[in-house]
Amino acid sequence: MPHTLTVLWTIRARTAPRPWLACSRCRGQRPFVCSGKTRLNANGRRLDAWLIYRCTDCEDTWNRPIFERLNVRGIDPAMIEAFQNNEPDWIRRVAFDVEGLRKCTNRIEEFAECHVEKRVLAVPDGICARLEIVLNVALAASVRTDRLLSMELGLARARLSHLEAGGCLTVRPQVRKALTRPVRDGTRVVLDLSALEERDVIAGRAG
């Protein structure tokens, strides 16, 4: 649309989720953080791999299983190399895999802090009357959609809810309570700016 500002927001969570586990030294439940180190063990032609976590209080370790007793022929060589070299990007992807963590513990501490990188995809022809935000979330992030919009656009969450109720703000795909859900890759937020006095300020913050 000619009066639409379209922007891409790339969301990068700052802190990986922390599993709460029974610490043998502390003798109680404690949060564990990813150490950024891996462990690879060979038993003949079969491999075991773990991502090492440490207790935040006593530095005791927990080995998060990634795979066990897999034949080396069935493992991507790039994955083996990533383990051997403690490849940071690969480790980060695993550390942010909260669904994988849920298989190990029922209690996971998640963090909403994130970094937002903005890029303009299309500029309006004349007055900016409509804002479309495309979210790129490569790794799981825990920040709520309304909190992200509030922080980045300078609009109170209550006002965002009011705009949504009035049909001036939509979140696609449309799901129940979309604003209160964590951000997801591919989400599109469309905001009608035509009736908003501070539309230029909002557009400036968006891009």
C-alpha atoms as a PDB file:
ATOM      1  CA  MET A   1       0.000   0.000   0.000  1.00  0.00           C
ATOM      2  CA  PRO A   2       1.352   3.474  -0.904  1.00  0.00           C
ATOM      3  CA  HIS A   3       0.983   4.990   2.573  1.00  0.00           C
ATOM      4  CA  THR A   4       2.435   1.992   4.457  1.00  0.00           C
ATOM      5  CA  LEU A   5       5.763   1.853   6.249  1.00  0.00           C
ATOM      6  CA  THR A   6       6.953  -1.754   6.330  1.00  0.00           C
ATOM      7  CA  VAL A   7       9.788  -2.709   8.675  1.00  0.00           C
ATOM      8  CA  LEU A   8      11.557  -5.903   9.653  1.00  0.00           C
ATOM      9  CA  TRP A   9      12.384  -6.402  13.320  1.00  0.00           C
ATOM     10  CA  THR A  10      14.950  -9.082  14.102  1.00  0.00           C
ATOM     11  CA  ILE A  11      14.566 -10.183  17.722  1.00  0.00           C
ATOM     12  CA  ARG A  12      17.505 -11.680  19.590  1.00  0.00           C
ATOM     13  CA  ALA A  13      16.984 -12.794  23.166  1.00  0.00           C
ATOM     14  CA  ARG A  14      19.849 -11.781  25.455  1.00  0.00           C
ATOM     15  CA  THR A  15      19.704 -14.533  28.081  1.00  0.00           C
ATOM     16  CA  ALA A  16      19.153 -18.246  27.474  1.00  0.00           C
ATOM     17  CA  PRO A  17      16.481 -20.043  29.503  1.00  0.00           C
ATOM     18  CA  ARG A  18      17.743 -21.579  32.744  1.00  0.00           C
ATOM     19  CA  PRO A  19      16.583 -25.000  33.923  1.00  0.00           C
ATOM     20  CA  TRP A  20      15.989 -25.503  37.649  1.00  0.00           C
ATOM     21  CA  LEU A  21      17.431 -28.822  38.798  1.00  0.00           C
ATOM     22  CA  ALA A  22      18.257 -30.689  41.982  1.00  0.00           C
ATOM     23  CA  CYS A  23      21.851 -29.723  42.813  1.00  0.00           C
ATOM     24  CA  SER A  24      23.737 -32.466  44.656  1.00  0.00           C
ATOM     25  CA  ARG A  25      26.026 -29.962  46.386  1.00  0.00           C
ATOM     26  CA  CYS A  26      23.421 -27.374  47.352  1.00  0.00           C
ATOM     27  CA  ARG A  27      20.929 -30.112  48.301  1.00  0.00           C
ATOM     28  CA  GLY A  28      18.027 -28.320  46.711  1.00  0.00           C
ATOM     29  CA  GLN A  29      16.590 -26.920  43.493  1.00  0.00           C
ATOM     30  CA  ARG A  30      18.868 -24.371  41.834  1.00  0.00           C
ATOM     31  CA  PRO A  31      18.992 -22.604  38.443  1.00  0.00           C
ATOM     32  CA  PHE A  32      21.666 -23.879  36.059  1.00  0.00           C
ATOM     33  CA  VAL A  33      23.247 -21.808  33.274  1.00  0.00           C
ATOM     34  CA  CYS A  34      24.785 -22.942  30.019  1.00  0.00           C
ATOM     35  CA  SER A  35      28.588 -22.958  30.270  1.00  0.00           C
ATOM     36  CA  GLY A  36      29.128 -22.729  26.526  1.00  0.00           C
ATOM     37  CA  LYS A  37      31.028 -26.019  26.644  1.00  0.00           C
ATOM     38  CA  THR A  38      30.155 -29.432  25.262  1.00  0.00           C
ATOM     39  CA  ARG A  39      31.181 -32.978  25.997  1.00  0.00           C
ATOM     40  CA  LEU A  40      31.525 -35.692  23.379  1.00  0.00           C
ATOM     41  CA  ASN A  41      32.094 -39.340  24.285  1.00  0.00           C
ATOM     42  CA  ALA A  42      32.846 -42.205  21.889  1.00  0.00           C
ATOM     43  CA  ASN A  43      32.018 -45.843  22.568  1.00  0.00           C
ATOM     44  CA  GLY A  44      33.196 -47.718  19.518  1.00  0.00           C
ATOM     45  CA  ARG A  45      31.241 -46.355  16.558  1.00  0.00           C
ATOM     46  CA  ARG A  46      28.605 -44.775  18.788  1.00  0.00           C
ATOM     47  CA  LEU A  47      28.673 -41.267  20.229  1.00  0.00           C
ATOM     48  CA  ASP A  48      27.137 -39.486  23.199  1.00  0.00           C
ATOM     49  CA  ALA A  49      26.932 -35.689  23.340  1.00  0.00           C
ATOM     50  CA  TRP A  50      26.022 -33.265  26.113  1.00  0.00           C
ATOM     51  CA  LEU A  51      25.848 -29.530  26.659  1.00  0.00           C
ATOM     52  CA  ILE A  52      27.368 -28.641  30.019  1.00  0.00           C
ATOM     53  CA  TYR A  53      25.454 -26.456  32.502  1.00  0.00           C
ATOM     54  CA  ARG A  54      26.623 -25.096  35.862  1.00  0.00           C
ATOM     55  CA  CYS A  55      24.788 -24.373  39.079  1.00  0.00           C
ATOM     56  CA  THR A  56      24.578 -20.619  39.661  1.00  0.00           C
ATOM     57  CA  ASP A  57      25.447 -21.078  43.350  1.00  0.00           C
ATOM     58  CA  CYS A  58      28.163 -23.715  43.556  1.00  0.00           C
ATOM     59  CA  GLU A  59      29.363 -24.372  39.975  1.00  0.00           C
ATOM     60  CA  ASP A  60      28.310 -28.022  40.131  1.00  0.00           C
ATOM     61  CA  THR A  61      27.706 -29.346  36.619  1.00  0.00           C
ATOM     62  CA  TRP A  62      24.801 -30.934  34.789  1.00  0.00           C
ATOM     63  CA  ASN A  63      25.192 -32.572  31.392  1.00  0.00           C
ATOM     64  CA  ARG A  64      22.198 -31.869  29.190  1.00  0.00           C
ATOM     65  CA  PRO A  65      21.846 -34.790  26.773  1.00  0.00           C
ATOM     66  CA  ILE A  66      21.781 -33.872  23.101  1.00  0.00           C
ATOM     67  CA  PHE A  67      21.995 -37.390  21.709  1.00  0.00           C
ATOM     68  CA  GLU A  68      22.995 -40.781  23.078  1.00  0.00           C
ATOM     69  CA  ARG A  69      24.425 -43.907  21.506  1.00  0.00           C
ATOM     70  CA  LEU A  70      24.094 -42.660  17.931  1.00  0.00           C
ATOM     71  CA  ASN A  71      26.130 -44.310  15.207  1.00  0.00           C
ATOM     72  CA  VAL A  72      28.725 -41.878  13.929  1.00  0.00           C
ATOM     73  CA  ARG A  73      27.568 -42.532  10.361  1.00  0.00           C
ATOM     74  CA  GLY A  74      24.140 -41.131  11.178  1.00  0.00           C
ATOM     75  CA  ILE A  75      25.421 -37.834  12.574  1.00  0.00           C
ATOM     76  CA  ASP A  76      26.002 -34.748  10.475  1.00  0.00           C
ATOM     77  CA  PRO A  77      29.797 -34.177  10.371  1.00  0.00           C
ATOM     78  CA  ALA A  78      29.173 -30.453  10.864  1.00  0.00           C
ATOM     79  CA  MET A  79      27.438 -31.230  14.167  1.00  0.00           C
ATOM     80  CA  ILE A  80      30.381 -33.331  15.357  1.00  0.00           C
ATOM     81  CA  GLU A  81      32.755 -30.524  14.406  1.00  0.00           C
ATOM     82  CA  ALA A  82      30.576 -28.025  16.284  1.00  0.00           C
ATOM     83  CA  PHE A  83      30.808 -30.176  19.402  1.00  0.00           C
ATOM     84  CA  GLN A  84      34.540 -30.655  19.117  1.00  0.00           C
ATOM     85  CA  ASN A  85      35.159 -26.910  18.672  1.00  0.00           C
ATOM     86  CA  ASN A  86      32.474 -25.612  21.046  1.00  0.00           C
ATOM     87  CA  GLU A  87      31.040 -23.615  18.130  1.00  0.00           C
ATOM     88  CA  PRO A  88      29.261 -20.600  19.735  1.00  0.00           C
ATOM     89  CA  ASP A  89      26.406 -20.191  17.234  1.00  0.00           C
ATOM     90  CA  TRP A  90      25.495 -23.856  17.389  1.00  0.00           C
ATOM     91  CA  ILE A  91      25.676 -23.894  21.196  1.00  0.00           C
ATOM     92  CA  ARG A  92      23.478 -20.800  21.332  1.00  0.00           C
ATOM     93  CA  ARG A  93      20.817 -22.502  19.210  1.00  0.00           C
ATOM     94  CA  VAL A  94      20.756 -25.495  21.535  1.00  0.00           C
ATOM     95  CA  ALA A  95      20.794 -23.341  24.686  1.00  0.00           C
ATOM     96  CA  PHE A  96      17.720 -21.420  23.464  1.00  0.00           C
ATOM     97  CA  ASP A  97      15.819 -24.602  22.591  1.00  0.00           C
ATOM     98  CA  VAL A  98      13.346 -24.297  25.455  1.00  0.00           C
ATOM     99  CA  GLU A  99      11.178 -27.154  24.175  1.00  0.00           C
ATOM    100  CA  GLY A 100      14.185 -29.452  24.319  1.00  0.00           C
ATOM    101  CA  LEU A 101      14.826 -28.316  27.894  1.00  0.00           C
ATOM    102  CA  ARG A 102      11.260 -29.192  28.872  1.00  0.00           C
ATOM    103  CA  LYS A 103      12.142 -32.851  28.311  1.00  0.00           C
ATOM    104  CA  CYS A 104      14.679 -32.584  31.149  1.00  0.00           C
ATOM    105  CA  THR A 105      12.855 -30.517  33.769  1.00  0.00           C
ATOM    106  CA  ASN A 106       9.437 -29.112  34.600  1.00  0.00           C
ATOM    107  CA  ARG A 107      10.775 -25.775  35.801  1.00  0.00           C
ATOM    108  CA  ILE A 108      12.466 -23.366  33.405  1.00  0.00           C
ATOM    109  CA  GLU A 109      13.315 -19.728  34.056  1.00  0.00           C
ATOM    110  CA  GLU A 110      12.841 -17.565  30.962  1.00  0.00           C
ATOM    111  CA  PHE A 111      13.918 -13.968  30.340  1.00  0.00           C
ATOM    112  CA  ALA A 112      12.197 -11.242  28.330  1.00  0.00           C
ATOM    113  CA  GLU A 113      15.232  -9.020  27.674  1.00  0.00           C
ATOM    114  CA  CYS A 114      16.076  -8.869  23.987  1.00  0.00           C
ATOM    115  CA  HIS A 115      17.903  -6.870  21.329  1.00  0.00           C
ATOM    116  CA  VAL A 116      15.866  -5.528  18.404  1.00  0.00           C
ATOM    117  CA  GLU A 117      17.500  -4.822  15.059  1.00  0.00           C
ATOM    118  CA  LYS A 118      15.292  -2.775  12.708  1.00  0.00           C
ATOM    119  CA  ARG A 119      15.382  -2.535   8.943  1.00  0.00           C
ATOM    120  CA  VAL A 120      13.043  -0.615   6.638  1.00  0.00           C
ATOM    121  CA  LEU A 121      11.602  -2.765   3.856  1.00  0.00           C
ATOM    122  CA  ALA A 122       9.296  -0.229   2.210  1.00  0.00           C
ATOM    123  CA  VAL A 123       8.740   3.496   2.737  1.00  0.00           C
ATOM    124  CA  PRO A 124       5.363   5.231   2.343  1.00  0.00           C
ATOM    125  CA  ASP A 125       4.475   7.389  -0.596  1.00  0.00           C
ATOM    126  CA  GLY A 126       3.642  10.640   1.157  1.00  0.00           C
ATOM    127  CA  ILE A 127       1.971  10.575   4.579  1.00  0.00           C
ATOM    128  CA  CYS A 128       2.596   7.450   6.649  1.00  0.00           C
ATOM    129  CA  ALA A 129      -0.868   6.200   7.538  1.00  0.00           C
ATOM    130  CA  ARG A 130      -0.136   2.534   8.175  1.00  0.00           C
ATOM    131  CA  LEU A 131       2.659   0.616   9.861  1.00  0.00           C
ATOM    132  CA  GLU A 132       3.430  -3.029   9.199  1.00  0.00           C
ATOM    133  CA  ILE A 133       6.011  -4.796  11.369  1.00  0.00           C
ATOM    134  CA  VAL A 134       7.400  -8.177  10.338  1.00  0.00           C
ATOM    135  CA  LEU A 135       9.031 -10.160  13.149  1.00  0.00           C
ATOM    136  CA  ASN A 136      12.092 -12.316  12.560  1.00  0.00           C
ATOM    137  CA  VAL A 137      12.661 -14.512  15.612  1.00  0.00           C
ATOM    138  CA  ALA A 138      15.292 -17.108  14.753  1.00  0.00           C
ATOM    139  CA  LEU A 139      15.624 -18.388  18.327  1.00  0.00           C
ATOM    140  CA  ALA A 140      12.892 -18.711  20.928  1.00  0.00           C
ATOM    141  CA  ALA A 141      12.297 -15.443  22.795  1.00  0.00           C
ATOM    142  CA  SER A 142      10.090 -15.002  25.859  1.00  0.00           C
ATOM    143  CA  VAL A 143       9.152 -11.344  25.457  1.00  0.00           C
ATOM    144  CA  ARG A 144       5.418 -10.792  25.026  1.00  0.00           C
ATOM    145  CA  THR A 145       4.233  -9.150  21.821  1.00  0.00           C
ATOM    146  CA  ASP A 146       2.571  -6.254  23.657  1.00  0.00           C
ATOM    147  CA  ARG A 147       5.658  -5.636  25.773  1.00  0.00           C
ATOM    148  CA  LEU A 148       7.881  -5.574  22.688  1.00  0.00           C
ATOM    149  CA  LEU A 149       5.579  -3.113  20.913  1.00  0.00           C
ATOM    150  CA  SER A 150       5.306  -0.966  24.028  1.00  0.00           C
ATOM    151  CA  MET A 151       9.078  -0.739  24.472  1.00  0.00           C
ATOM    152  CA  GLU A 152       9.882  -0.085  20.828  1.00  0.00           C
ATOM    153  CA  LEU A 153       6.978   2.162  19.818  1.00  0.00           C
ATOM    154  CA  GLY A 154       6.537   4.055  23.087  1.00  0.00           C
ATOM    155  CA  LEU A 155       2.882   3.060  23.496  1.00  0.00           C
ATOM    156  CA  ALA A 156       1.417   1.823  26.775  1.00  0.00           C
ATOM    157  CA  ARG A 157       0.222  -1.784  26.735  1.00  0.00           C
ATOM    158  CA  ALA A 158      -3.255  -0.664  27.789  1.00  0.00           C
ATOM    159  CA  ARG A 159      -3.404   1.595  24.748  1.00  0.00           C
ATOM    160  CA  LEU A 160      -2.248  -1.206  22.478  1.00  0.00           C
ATOM    161  CA  SER A 161      -5.119  -3.334  23.787  1.00  0.00           C
ATOM    162  CA  HIS A 162      -7.505  -0.450  23.145  1.00  0.00           C
ATOM    163  CA  LEU A 163      -6.237  -0.061  19.581  1.00  0.00           C
ATOM    164  CA  GLU A 164      -6.633  -3.792  19.004  1.00  0.00           C
ATOM    165  CA  ALA A 165     -10.192  -3.752  20.373  1.00  0.00           C
ATOM    166  CA  GLY A 166     -11.019  -0.857  18.053  1.00  0.00           C
ATOM    167  CA  GLY A 167      -9.687  -2.655  14.985  1.00  0.00           C
ATOM    168  CA  CYS A 168      -6.733  -0.294  14.543  1.00  0.00           C
ATOM    169  CA  LEU A 169      -4.152  -2.925  15.442  1.00  0.00           C
ATOM    170  CA  THR A 170      -4.068  -6.499  14.185  1.00  0.00           C
ATOM    171  CA  VAL A 171      -1.638  -9.345  14.733  1.00  0.00           C
ATOM    172  CA  ARG A 172      -1.264 -11.996  12.044  1.00  0.00           C
ATOM    173  CA  PRO A 173      -1.689 -14.892  12.106  1.00  0.00           C
ATOM    174  CA  GLN A 174      -4.775 -14.140  14.158  1.00  0.00           C
ATOM    175  CA  VAL A 175      -4.862 -16.151  17.363  1.00  0.00           C
ATOM    176  CA  ARG A 176      -6.624 -15.666  20.670  1.00  0.00           C
ATOM    177  CA  LYS A 177      -4.906 -13.103  22.939  1.00  0.00           C
ATOM    178  CA  ALA A 178      -2.197 -12.541  20.343  1.00  0.00           C
ATOM    179  CA  LEU A 179      -0.765  -9.486  22.110  1.00  0.00           C
ATOM    180  CA  THR A 180      -0.083 -11.385  25.324  1.00  0.00           C
ATOM    181  CA  ARG A 181       1.694 -14.295  23.616  1.00  0.00           C
ATOM    182  CA  PRO A 182       5.487 -14.490  23.202  1.00  0.00           C
ATOM    183  CA  VAL A 183       6.821 -13.174  19.899  1.00  0.00           C
ATOM    184  CA  ARG A 184       7.030 -15.743  17.133  1.00  0.00           C
ATOM    185  CA  ASP A 185       8.891 -15.843  13.859  1.00  0.00           C
ATOM    186  CA  GLY A 186       6.852 -14.633  10.894  1.00  0.00           C
ATOM    187  CA  THR A 187       4.327 -12.641  12.933  1.00  0.00           C
ATOM    188  CA  ARG A 188       3.040  -9.472  11.267  1.00  0.00           C
ATOM    189  CA  VAL A 189       1.732  -6.541  13.278  1.00  0.00           C
ATOM    190  CA  VAL A 190      -0.344  -3.967  11.397  1.00  0.00           C
ATOM    191  CA  LEU A 191      -1.130  -0.609  12.999  1.00  0.00           C
ATOM    192  CA  ASP A 192      -3.433   2.035  11.507  1.00  0.00           C
ATOM    193  CA  LEU A 193      -1.698   5.372  12.156  1.00  0.00           C
ATOM    194  CA  SER A 194      -4.130   7.611  10.312  1.00  0.00           C
ATOM    195  CA  ALA A 195      -6.013   8.766  13.434  1.00  0.00           C
ATOM    196  CA  LEU A 196      -3.012   8.936  15.787  1.00  0.00           C
ATOM    197  CA  GLU A 197      -1.578  12.379  16.539  1.00  0.00           C
ATOM    198  CA  GLU A 198       1.927  10.999  17.201  1.00  0.00           C
ATOM    199  CA  ARG A 199       2.027   8.887  14.039  1.00  0.00           C
ATOM    200  CA  ASP A 200       5.325  10.434  12.880  1.00  0.00           C
ATOM    201  CA  VAL A 201       6.978   9.645  16.215  1.00  0.00           C
ATOM    202  CA  ILE A 202       5.702   6.055  16.135  1.00  0.00           C
ATOM    203  CA  ALA A 203       6.864   5.612  12.538  1.00  0.00           C
ATOM    204  CA  GLY A 204      10.288   7.004  13.461  1.00  0.00           C
ATOM    205  CA  ARG A 205      10.659   4.612  16.383  1.00  0.00           C
ATOM    206  CA  ALA A 206       9.495   1.680  14.280  1.00  0.00           C
ATOM    207  CA  GLY A 207      12.190   2.122  11.669  1.00  0.00           C
END
